[in-house]
N, C-alpha and C. Protein backbone atom coordinates (compact mmCIF):
# COMPACT_ATOMS: atom_id res chain seq x y z
N UNK A 1 58.14 -22.34 45.48
CA UNK A 1 57.03 -21.95 46.29
C UNK A 1 55.95 -23.02 46.26
N UNK A 2 55.58 -23.50 45.04
CA UNK A 2 54.55 -24.52 44.93
C UNK A 2 55.00 -25.83 45.58
N UNK A 3 56.28 -26.12 45.45
CA UNK A 3 56.82 -27.35 46.03
C UNK A 3 56.72 -27.30 47.55
N UNK A 4 57.08 -26.17 48.13
CA UNK A 4 57.01 -26.03 49.59
C UNK A 4 55.56 -26.14 50.05
N UNK A 5 54.63 -25.58 49.27
CA UNK A 5 53.21 -25.69 49.60
C UNK A 5 52.76 -27.14 49.60
N UNK A 6 53.22 -27.91 48.62
CA UNK A 6 52.85 -29.33 48.53
C UNK A 6 53.34 -30.11 49.73
N UNK A 7 54.60 -29.84 50.12
CA UNK A 7 55.17 -30.52 51.28
C UNK A 7 54.40 -30.16 52.55
N UNK A 8 54.07 -28.89 52.68
CA UNK A 8 53.34 -28.43 53.87
C UNK A 8 51.96 -29.08 53.92
N UNK A 9 51.30 -29.23 52.76
CA UNK A 9 49.98 -29.86 52.74
C UNK A 9 50.04 -31.32 53.18
N UNK A 10 51.07 -32.04 52.72
CA UNK A 10 51.21 -33.45 53.12
C UNK A 10 51.40 -33.56 54.62
N UNK A 11 52.30 -32.75 55.16
CA UNK A 11 52.55 -32.81 56.61
C UNK A 11 51.33 -32.38 57.42
N UNK A 12 50.64 -31.35 56.96
CA UNK A 12 49.47 -30.90 57.73
C UNK A 12 48.36 -31.93 57.67
N UNK A 13 48.24 -32.66 56.56
CA UNK A 13 47.22 -33.71 56.47
C UNK A 13 47.48 -34.80 57.49
N UNK A 14 48.74 -35.16 57.66
CA UNK A 14 49.09 -36.18 58.64
C UNK A 14 48.80 -35.67 60.04
N UNK A 15 49.18 -34.43 60.31
CA UNK A 15 48.94 -33.87 61.65
C UNK A 15 47.44 -33.75 61.94
N UNK A 16 46.65 -33.39 60.95
CA UNK A 16 45.20 -33.29 61.14
C UNK A 16 44.63 -34.66 61.46
N UNK A 17 45.10 -35.69 60.77
CA UNK A 17 44.61 -37.04 61.03
C UNK A 17 44.94 -37.47 62.46
N UNK A 18 46.12 -37.11 62.91
CA UNK A 18 46.53 -37.47 64.27
C UNK A 18 45.70 -36.68 65.27
N UNK A 19 45.52 -35.38 65.02
CA UNK A 19 44.80 -34.52 65.96
C UNK A 19 43.29 -34.79 65.96
N UNK A 20 42.77 -35.41 64.91
CA UNK A 20 41.33 -35.65 64.80
C UNK A 20 40.84 -36.61 65.86
N UNK A 21 41.74 -37.24 66.48
CA UNK A 21 41.35 -38.13 67.57
C UNK A 21 41.31 -39.58 67.12
N UNK A 22 41.26 -40.42 68.07
CA UNK A 22 41.18 -41.83 67.77
C UNK A 22 42.54 -42.45 67.45
N UNK A 23 43.57 -41.65 67.33
CA UNK A 23 44.89 -42.20 67.03
C UNK A 23 45.68 -42.24 68.33
N UNK A 24 46.07 -43.43 68.70
CA UNK A 24 46.89 -43.49 69.90
C UNK A 24 48.35 -43.32 69.52
N UNK A 25 49.22 -43.34 70.46
CA UNK A 25 50.64 -43.04 70.30
C UNK A 25 51.34 -43.73 69.14
N UNK A 26 51.38 -45.08 69.10
CA UNK A 26 52.11 -45.75 68.03
C UNK A 26 51.57 -45.46 66.63
N UNK A 27 50.25 -45.37 66.50
CA UNK A 27 49.66 -45.07 65.20
C UNK A 27 50.04 -43.66 64.78
N UNK A 28 50.02 -42.74 65.70
CA UNK A 28 50.39 -41.35 65.40
C UNK A 28 51.84 -41.27 64.94
N UNK A 29 52.70 -42.00 65.62
CA UNK A 29 54.12 -42.00 65.24
C UNK A 29 54.28 -42.56 63.83
N UNK A 30 53.58 -43.67 63.55
CA UNK A 30 53.67 -44.28 62.22
C UNK A 30 53.18 -43.29 61.16
N UNK A 31 52.07 -42.60 61.45
CA UNK A 31 51.54 -41.64 60.48
C UNK A 31 52.49 -40.47 60.25
N UNK A 32 53.10 -39.97 61.31
CA UNK A 32 54.04 -38.86 61.17
C UNK A 32 55.27 -39.31 60.39
N UNK A 33 55.79 -40.49 60.69
CA UNK A 33 56.95 -41.01 59.96
C UNK A 33 56.59 -41.24 58.50
N UNK A 34 55.43 -41.85 58.26
CA UNK A 34 55.00 -42.10 56.89
C UNK A 34 54.84 -40.79 56.12
N UNK A 35 54.23 -39.80 56.76
CA UNK A 35 54.09 -38.49 56.13
C UNK A 35 55.43 -37.85 55.83
N UNK A 36 56.38 -37.99 56.75
CA UNK A 36 57.71 -37.43 56.54
C UNK A 36 58.44 -38.13 55.40
N UNK A 37 58.21 -39.43 55.27
CA UNK A 37 58.84 -40.17 54.17
C UNK A 37 58.19 -39.86 52.83
N UNK A 38 56.89 -39.66 52.83
CA UNK A 38 56.18 -39.41 51.57
C UNK A 38 56.26 -37.95 51.13
N UNK A 39 56.53 -37.04 52.03
CA UNK A 39 56.60 -35.62 51.68
C UNK A 39 57.62 -35.34 50.57
N UNK A 40 58.86 -35.87 50.67
CA UNK A 40 59.82 -35.60 49.58
C UNK A 40 59.35 -36.16 48.23
N UNK A 41 58.65 -37.29 48.27
CA UNK A 41 58.14 -37.86 47.02
C UNK A 41 57.07 -36.93 46.44
N UNK A 42 56.20 -36.42 47.30
CA UNK A 42 55.17 -35.48 46.85
C UNK A 42 55.81 -34.21 46.29
N UNK A 43 56.85 -33.75 46.96
CA UNK A 43 57.55 -32.55 46.50
C UNK A 43 58.18 -32.80 45.13
N UNK A 44 58.84 -33.94 44.99
CA UNK A 44 59.46 -34.27 43.70
C UNK A 44 58.40 -34.39 42.61
N UNK A 45 57.30 -35.01 42.93
CA UNK A 45 56.21 -35.13 41.96
C UNK A 45 55.66 -33.78 41.55
N UNK A 46 55.50 -32.89 42.50
CA UNK A 46 55.01 -31.55 42.19
C UNK A 46 56.02 -30.80 41.33
N UNK A 47 57.29 -30.95 41.65
CA UNK A 47 58.34 -30.29 40.87
C UNK A 47 58.33 -30.82 39.43
N UNK A 48 58.27 -32.14 39.27
CA UNK A 48 58.25 -32.73 37.93
C UNK A 48 57.06 -32.21 37.15
N UNK A 49 55.92 -32.20 37.79
CA UNK A 49 54.70 -31.76 37.09
C UNK A 49 54.81 -30.30 36.65
N UNK A 50 55.33 -29.44 37.52
CA UNK A 50 55.38 -28.02 37.17
C UNK A 50 56.60 -27.64 36.33
N UNK A 51 57.71 -28.31 36.52
CA UNK A 51 58.93 -27.92 35.82
C UNK A 51 59.18 -28.74 34.55
N UNK A 52 59.12 -30.04 34.67
CA UNK A 52 59.52 -30.90 33.56
C UNK A 52 58.48 -30.93 32.45
N UNK A 53 57.21 -30.89 32.79
CA UNK A 53 56.18 -31.00 31.75
C UNK A 53 55.77 -29.66 31.15
N UNK A 54 56.30 -28.57 31.66
CA UNK A 54 55.97 -27.23 31.14
C UNK A 54 56.97 -26.84 30.06
N UNK A 55 56.53 -26.90 28.81
CA UNK A 55 57.42 -26.63 27.68
C UNK A 55 57.97 -25.21 27.73
N UNK A 56 57.14 -24.24 28.09
CA UNK A 56 57.61 -22.85 28.14
C UNK A 56 58.73 -22.68 29.16
N UNK A 57 58.58 -23.30 30.32
CA UNK A 57 59.66 -23.21 31.33
C UNK A 57 60.93 -23.89 30.83
N UNK A 58 60.75 -25.03 30.18
CA UNK A 58 61.90 -25.74 29.64
C UNK A 58 62.63 -24.86 28.61
N UNK A 59 61.88 -24.24 27.72
CA UNK A 59 62.48 -23.39 26.70
C UNK A 59 63.15 -22.17 27.33
N UNK A 60 62.55 -21.60 28.36
CA UNK A 60 63.19 -20.48 29.06
C UNK A 60 64.53 -20.90 29.66
N UNK A 61 64.63 -22.17 30.02
CA UNK A 61 65.87 -22.68 30.60
C UNK A 61 66.93 -22.97 29.53
N UNK A 62 66.53 -23.61 28.42
CA UNK A 62 67.52 -24.04 27.43
C UNK A 62 67.81 -23.02 26.34
N UNK A 63 66.91 -22.07 26.09
CA UNK A 63 67.13 -21.11 25.00
C UNK A 63 68.43 -20.32 25.17
N UNK A 64 68.76 -19.85 26.36
CA UNK A 64 70.01 -19.09 26.51
C UNK A 64 71.27 -19.92 26.23
N UNK A 65 71.16 -21.24 26.29
CA UNK A 65 72.34 -22.08 26.04
C UNK A 65 72.88 -21.89 24.62
N UNK A 66 72.01 -21.57 23.68
CA UNK A 66 72.45 -21.38 22.29
C UNK A 66 73.41 -20.20 22.16
N UNK A 67 73.41 -19.32 23.11
CA UNK A 67 74.29 -18.14 23.08
C UNK A 67 75.51 -18.28 24.00
N UNK A 68 75.58 -19.36 24.74
CA UNK A 68 76.70 -19.59 25.66
C UNK A 68 77.92 -20.13 24.89
N UNK A 69 79.07 -19.47 24.98
CA UNK A 69 80.26 -19.93 24.26
C UNK A 69 80.64 -21.39 24.56
N UNK A 70 80.52 -21.80 25.81
CA UNK A 70 80.88 -23.19 26.15
C UNK A 70 79.94 -24.18 25.46
N UNK A 71 78.65 -23.87 25.44
CA UNK A 71 77.68 -24.74 24.77
C UNK A 71 77.92 -24.72 23.26
N UNK A 72 78.19 -23.56 22.70
CA UNK A 72 78.47 -23.46 21.27
C UNK A 72 79.69 -24.29 20.89
N UNK A 73 80.73 -24.21 21.71
CA UNK A 73 81.94 -24.99 21.47
C UNK A 73 81.64 -26.48 21.52
N UNK A 74 80.86 -26.90 22.49
CA UNK A 74 80.51 -28.31 22.62
C UNK A 74 79.71 -28.79 21.42
N UNK A 75 78.72 -28.00 21.00
CA UNK A 75 77.90 -28.39 19.85
C UNK A 75 78.75 -28.50 18.59
N UNK A 76 79.60 -27.51 18.36
CA UNK A 76 80.45 -27.53 17.16
C UNK A 76 81.42 -28.71 17.19
N UNK A 77 82.01 -28.97 18.34
CA UNK A 77 82.95 -30.09 18.47
C UNK A 77 82.25 -31.43 18.27
N UNK A 78 81.10 -31.61 18.93
CA UNK A 78 80.36 -32.88 18.79
C UNK A 78 79.89 -33.07 17.36
N UNK A 79 79.43 -32.00 16.71
CA UNK A 79 78.98 -32.11 15.32
C UNK A 79 80.14 -32.49 14.41
N UNK A 80 81.28 -31.85 14.59
CA UNK A 80 82.46 -32.18 13.79
C UNK A 80 82.87 -33.63 14.01
N UNK A 81 82.89 -34.04 15.28
CA UNK A 81 83.29 -35.41 15.59
C UNK A 81 82.29 -36.44 15.06
N UNK A 82 81.02 -36.04 14.91
CA UNK A 82 80.02 -36.95 14.36
C UNK A 82 80.11 -37.01 12.84
N UNK A 83 80.47 -35.90 12.21
CA UNK A 83 80.53 -35.83 10.75
C UNK A 83 81.76 -36.55 10.21
N UNK A 84 82.88 -36.39 10.86
CA UNK A 84 84.15 -36.84 10.29
C UNK A 84 84.33 -38.35 10.13
N UNK A 85 84.06 -39.17 11.13
CA UNK A 85 84.33 -40.61 10.95
C UNK A 85 83.62 -41.26 9.74
N UNK A 86 82.35 -40.99 9.50
CA UNK A 86 81.73 -41.64 8.34
C UNK A 86 82.31 -41.17 7.00
N UNK A 87 82.83 -39.95 6.96
CA UNK A 87 83.39 -39.44 5.71
C UNK A 87 84.75 -40.07 5.38
N UNK A 88 85.44 -40.52 6.39
CA UNK A 88 86.77 -41.13 6.22
C UNK A 88 87.66 -40.27 5.34
N UNK A 89 87.80 -39.01 5.75
CA UNK A 89 88.56 -38.03 4.99
C UNK A 89 90.00 -38.48 4.79
N UNK A 90 90.61 -39.02 5.84
CA UNK A 90 92.00 -39.47 5.71
C UNK A 90 92.14 -40.56 4.66
N UNK A 91 91.17 -41.46 4.59
CA UNK A 91 91.21 -42.54 3.58
C UNK A 91 91.04 -41.95 2.18
N UNK A 92 90.12 -41.00 2.03
CA UNK A 92 89.90 -40.38 0.72
C UNK A 92 91.13 -39.61 0.25
N UNK A 93 91.74 -38.87 1.15
CA UNK A 93 92.96 -38.13 0.78
C UNK A 93 94.06 -39.12 0.44
N UNK A 94 94.19 -40.18 1.23
CA UNK A 94 95.19 -41.21 0.94
C UNK A 94 94.97 -41.85 -0.42
N UNK A 95 93.72 -42.13 -0.76
CA UNK A 95 93.42 -42.72 -2.08
C UNK A 95 93.76 -41.74 -3.20
N UNK A 96 93.45 -40.47 -3.00
CA UNK A 96 93.76 -39.46 -4.02
C UNK A 96 95.27 -39.34 -4.21
N UNK A 97 96.00 -39.32 -3.11
CA UNK A 97 97.46 -39.24 -3.20
C UNK A 97 98.02 -40.48 -3.87
N UNK A 98 97.52 -41.65 -3.52
CA UNK A 98 97.99 -42.90 -4.14
C UNK A 98 97.70 -42.92 -5.63
N UNK A 99 96.50 -42.48 -6.02
CA UNK A 99 96.15 -42.45 -7.44
C UNK A 99 97.06 -41.49 -8.19
N UNK A 100 97.36 -40.35 -7.58
CA UNK A 100 98.22 -39.35 -8.21
C UNK A 100 99.66 -39.85 -8.33
N UNK A 101 100.17 -40.45 -7.25
CA UNK A 101 101.59 -40.85 -7.24
C UNK A 101 101.83 -42.17 -7.97
N UNK A 102 100.79 -42.91 -8.28
CA UNK A 102 100.99 -44.19 -8.97
C UNK A 102 101.16 -44.02 -10.47
N UNK A 103 100.98 -42.83 -10.97
CA UNK A 103 101.16 -42.57 -12.40
C UNK A 103 102.63 -42.74 -12.78
N UNK A 104 102.82 -43.22 -13.94
CA UNK A 104 104.18 -43.46 -14.43
C UNK A 104 104.96 -42.15 -14.49
N UNK A 105 106.16 -42.23 -14.05
CA UNK A 105 107.05 -41.08 -14.12
C UNK A 105 106.91 -40.11 -12.96
N UNK A 106 106.10 -40.45 -11.96
CA UNK A 106 105.96 -39.55 -10.81
C UNK A 106 107.20 -39.71 -9.94
N UNK A 107 107.88 -38.64 -9.61
CA UNK A 107 109.13 -38.75 -8.84
C UNK A 107 108.88 -39.37 -7.45
N UNK A 108 109.63 -40.39 -7.06
CA UNK A 108 109.45 -41.07 -5.78
C UNK A 108 109.59 -40.13 -4.57
N UNK A 109 110.50 -39.20 -4.64
CA UNK A 109 110.69 -38.28 -3.53
C UNK A 109 109.42 -37.44 -3.32
N UNK A 110 108.82 -36.95 -4.39
CA UNK A 110 107.60 -36.15 -4.32
C UNK A 110 106.45 -37.03 -3.81
N UNK A 111 106.40 -38.29 -4.26
CA UNK A 111 105.35 -39.22 -3.82
C UNK A 111 105.44 -39.42 -2.30
N UNK A 112 106.65 -39.61 -1.80
CA UNK A 112 106.84 -39.78 -0.34
C UNK A 112 106.40 -38.54 0.42
N UNK A 113 106.75 -37.36 -0.11
CA UNK A 113 106.38 -36.12 0.56
C UNK A 113 104.85 -35.92 0.57
N UNK A 114 104.21 -36.27 -0.55
CA UNK A 114 102.75 -36.15 -0.61
C UNK A 114 102.08 -37.11 0.37
N UNK A 115 102.59 -38.33 0.45
CA UNK A 115 102.02 -39.31 1.38
C UNK A 115 102.17 -38.84 2.83
N UNK A 116 103.25 -38.12 3.12
CA UNK A 116 103.48 -37.60 4.47
C UNK A 116 102.51 -36.46 4.79
N UNK A 117 101.90 -35.89 3.78
CA UNK A 117 100.99 -34.77 3.99
C UNK A 117 99.53 -35.21 4.21
N UNK A 118 99.25 -36.51 4.13
CA UNK A 118 97.87 -36.99 4.30
C UNK A 118 97.34 -36.58 5.68
N UNK A 119 98.12 -36.80 6.73
CA UNK A 119 97.69 -36.43 8.09
C UNK A 119 97.46 -34.94 8.25
N UNK A 120 98.45 -34.11 7.88
CA UNK A 120 98.24 -32.67 8.00
C UNK A 120 97.07 -32.15 7.15
N UNK A 121 96.85 -32.72 5.95
CA UNK A 121 95.71 -32.29 5.14
C UNK A 121 94.40 -32.67 5.82
N UNK A 122 94.35 -33.86 6.39
CA UNK A 122 93.15 -34.30 7.11
C UNK A 122 92.88 -33.38 8.29
N UNK A 123 93.94 -33.06 9.04
CA UNK A 123 93.78 -32.15 10.19
C UNK A 123 93.31 -30.77 9.74
N UNK A 124 93.83 -30.30 8.63
CA UNK A 124 93.42 -28.99 8.11
C UNK A 124 91.95 -28.97 7.71
N UNK A 125 91.49 -30.03 7.07
CA UNK A 125 90.08 -30.11 6.69
C UNK A 125 89.21 -30.20 7.94
N UNK A 126 89.66 -30.99 8.90
CA UNK A 126 88.93 -31.12 10.17
C UNK A 126 88.79 -29.75 10.84
N UNK A 127 89.89 -29.01 10.91
CA UNK A 127 89.87 -27.68 11.51
C UNK A 127 88.98 -26.71 10.74
N UNK A 128 89.00 -26.81 9.42
CA UNK A 128 88.16 -25.95 8.60
C UNK A 128 86.68 -26.23 8.86
N UNK A 129 86.31 -27.51 8.88
CA UNK A 129 84.91 -27.90 9.13
C UNK A 129 84.48 -27.43 10.51
N UNK A 130 85.33 -27.64 11.50
CA UNK A 130 85.00 -27.23 12.87
C UNK A 130 84.83 -25.71 12.95
N UNK A 131 85.69 -24.98 12.27
CA UNK A 131 85.60 -23.52 12.26
C UNK A 131 84.29 -23.06 11.62
N UNK A 132 83.92 -23.68 10.51
CA UNK A 132 82.66 -23.30 9.84
C UNK A 132 81.46 -23.66 10.73
N UNK A 133 81.53 -24.79 11.43
CA UNK A 133 80.44 -25.17 12.33
C UNK A 133 80.35 -24.19 13.50
N UNK A 134 81.47 -23.70 13.97
CA UNK A 134 81.46 -22.66 15.02
C UNK A 134 80.75 -21.42 14.51
N UNK A 135 81.01 -21.04 13.26
CA UNK A 135 80.34 -19.88 12.69
C UNK A 135 78.82 -20.10 12.65
N UNK A 136 78.42 -21.30 12.26
CA UNK A 136 76.98 -21.62 12.19
C UNK A 136 76.36 -21.56 13.58
N UNK A 137 77.03 -22.17 14.55
CA UNK A 137 76.50 -22.25 15.91
C UNK A 137 76.41 -20.87 16.56
N UNK A 138 77.26 -19.95 16.18
CA UNK A 138 77.22 -18.60 16.74
C UNK A 138 76.17 -17.71 16.08
N UNK A 139 75.52 -18.20 15.04
CA UNK A 139 74.59 -17.36 14.28
C UNK A 139 73.23 -17.24 14.96
N UNK A 140 72.50 -16.18 14.58
CA UNK A 140 71.13 -16.00 15.08
C UNK A 140 70.22 -17.11 14.57
N UNK A 141 70.46 -17.59 13.37
CA UNK A 141 69.64 -18.67 12.81
C UNK A 141 69.76 -19.93 13.67
N UNK A 142 70.96 -20.21 14.15
CA UNK A 142 71.13 -21.39 15.00
C UNK A 142 70.32 -21.24 16.28
N UNK A 143 70.36 -20.06 16.88
CA UNK A 143 69.60 -19.84 18.12
C UNK A 143 68.12 -20.05 17.88
N UNK A 144 67.63 -19.60 16.74
CA UNK A 144 66.22 -19.79 16.39
C UNK A 144 65.90 -21.28 16.20
N UNK A 145 66.74 -21.96 15.46
CA UNK A 145 66.53 -23.40 15.23
C UNK A 145 66.64 -24.17 16.55
N UNK A 146 67.56 -23.77 17.40
CA UNK A 146 67.75 -24.39 18.71
C UNK A 146 66.44 -24.37 19.51
N UNK A 147 65.78 -23.22 19.52
CA UNK A 147 64.51 -23.09 20.25
C UNK A 147 63.44 -23.96 19.59
N UNK A 148 63.36 -23.94 18.27
CA UNK A 148 62.35 -24.74 17.58
C UNK A 148 62.55 -26.24 17.83
N UNK A 149 63.78 -26.70 17.71
CA UNK A 149 64.07 -28.12 17.91
C UNK A 149 63.78 -28.54 19.35
N UNK A 150 64.20 -27.72 20.30
CA UNK A 150 63.96 -28.05 21.70
C UNK A 150 62.48 -28.00 22.05
N UNK A 151 61.74 -27.07 21.46
CA UNK A 151 60.30 -27.01 21.70
C UNK A 151 59.63 -28.28 21.20
N UNK A 152 59.93 -28.66 19.98
CA UNK A 152 59.33 -29.87 19.41
C UNK A 152 59.74 -31.12 20.20
N UNK A 153 61.02 -31.23 20.52
CA UNK A 153 61.50 -32.39 21.27
C UNK A 153 60.83 -32.48 22.64
N UNK A 154 60.70 -31.34 23.32
CA UNK A 154 60.09 -31.35 24.64
C UNK A 154 58.61 -31.72 24.56
N UNK A 155 57.91 -31.17 23.58
CA UNK A 155 56.49 -31.49 23.42
C UNK A 155 56.31 -32.99 23.14
N UNK A 156 57.18 -33.55 22.34
CA UNK A 156 57.10 -34.99 22.05
C UNK A 156 57.40 -35.81 23.29
N UNK A 157 58.40 -35.38 24.08
CA UNK A 157 58.73 -36.09 25.31
C UNK A 157 57.55 -36.07 26.27
N UNK A 158 56.90 -34.92 26.40
CA UNK A 158 55.74 -34.82 27.29
C UNK A 158 54.62 -35.73 26.81
N UNK A 159 54.40 -35.79 25.49
CA UNK A 159 53.37 -36.69 24.94
C UNK A 159 53.69 -38.14 25.27
N UNK A 160 54.93 -38.53 25.05
CA UNK A 160 55.33 -39.92 25.32
C UNK A 160 55.14 -40.24 26.80
N UNK A 161 55.58 -39.34 27.66
CA UNK A 161 55.44 -39.59 29.10
C UNK A 161 53.96 -39.61 29.50
N UNK A 162 53.14 -38.77 28.89
CA UNK A 162 51.71 -38.75 29.21
C UNK A 162 51.04 -40.03 28.78
N UNK A 163 51.37 -40.51 27.58
CA UNK A 163 50.79 -41.76 27.09
C UNK A 163 51.26 -42.91 27.96
N UNK A 164 52.54 -42.93 28.28
CA UNK A 164 53.07 -44.00 29.14
C UNK A 164 52.39 -43.99 30.50
N UNK A 165 52.19 -42.80 31.05
CA UNK A 165 51.55 -42.69 32.36
C UNK A 165 50.11 -43.18 32.29
N UNK A 166 49.38 -42.81 31.22
CA UNK A 166 47.99 -43.26 31.08
C UNK A 166 47.92 -44.78 30.93
N UNK A 167 48.82 -45.35 30.13
CA UNK A 167 48.83 -46.80 29.94
C UNK A 167 49.13 -47.50 31.26
N UNK A 168 50.09 -46.96 32.00
CA UNK A 168 50.44 -47.56 33.28
C UNK A 168 49.26 -47.46 34.24
N UNK A 169 48.59 -46.30 34.24
CA UNK A 169 47.43 -46.11 35.12
C UNK A 169 46.32 -47.07 34.76
N UNK A 170 46.09 -47.28 33.48
CA UNK A 170 45.03 -48.20 33.04
C UNK A 170 45.35 -49.63 33.46
N UNK A 171 46.61 -50.02 33.35
CA UNK A 171 47.01 -51.37 33.74
C UNK A 171 46.89 -51.55 35.25
N UNK A 172 47.25 -50.51 36.00
CA UNK A 172 47.20 -50.60 37.46
C UNK A 172 45.75 -50.69 37.93
N UNK A 173 44.83 -50.09 37.19
CA UNK A 173 43.42 -50.08 37.60
C UNK A 173 42.74 -51.42 37.36
N UNK A 174 43.29 -52.25 36.50
CA UNK A 174 42.66 -53.54 36.20
C UNK A 174 42.71 -54.51 37.34
């Protein structure tokens, strides 16, 4: 509604300027075309100002995502994928198996079988971690933290954009 009002104001300003007199044909056409080109920019600016910089609206939009199964699955998967590579679980299991099987008198057949289990053990641990992260993401505590983190992040983003805009405005005024 506010966006449509902004667009209407831009167009009516151009029409008032043309109707006020003193504008002949080509100037009027240029003003109408210019107004038509600038109207979408004004609309986008109004939308950004009312939608993007309003933390409450942003939170109303993103808060329900914490309860969406697809979003929960994505968060749990991304978290698992971020946690696993630095831990190098497969390398640690491989080292443990090597240390165990390198002891004197360890049967070679058992050593080979244990070494073959490094991959399945790694996959099992990966699945266990992912399952536990799914449990966390489905919890009420996660939904609460989700809102808190998004509120803080959005407020910081608005501050950064406001400071950047003021700095740019100050530079442009010089």
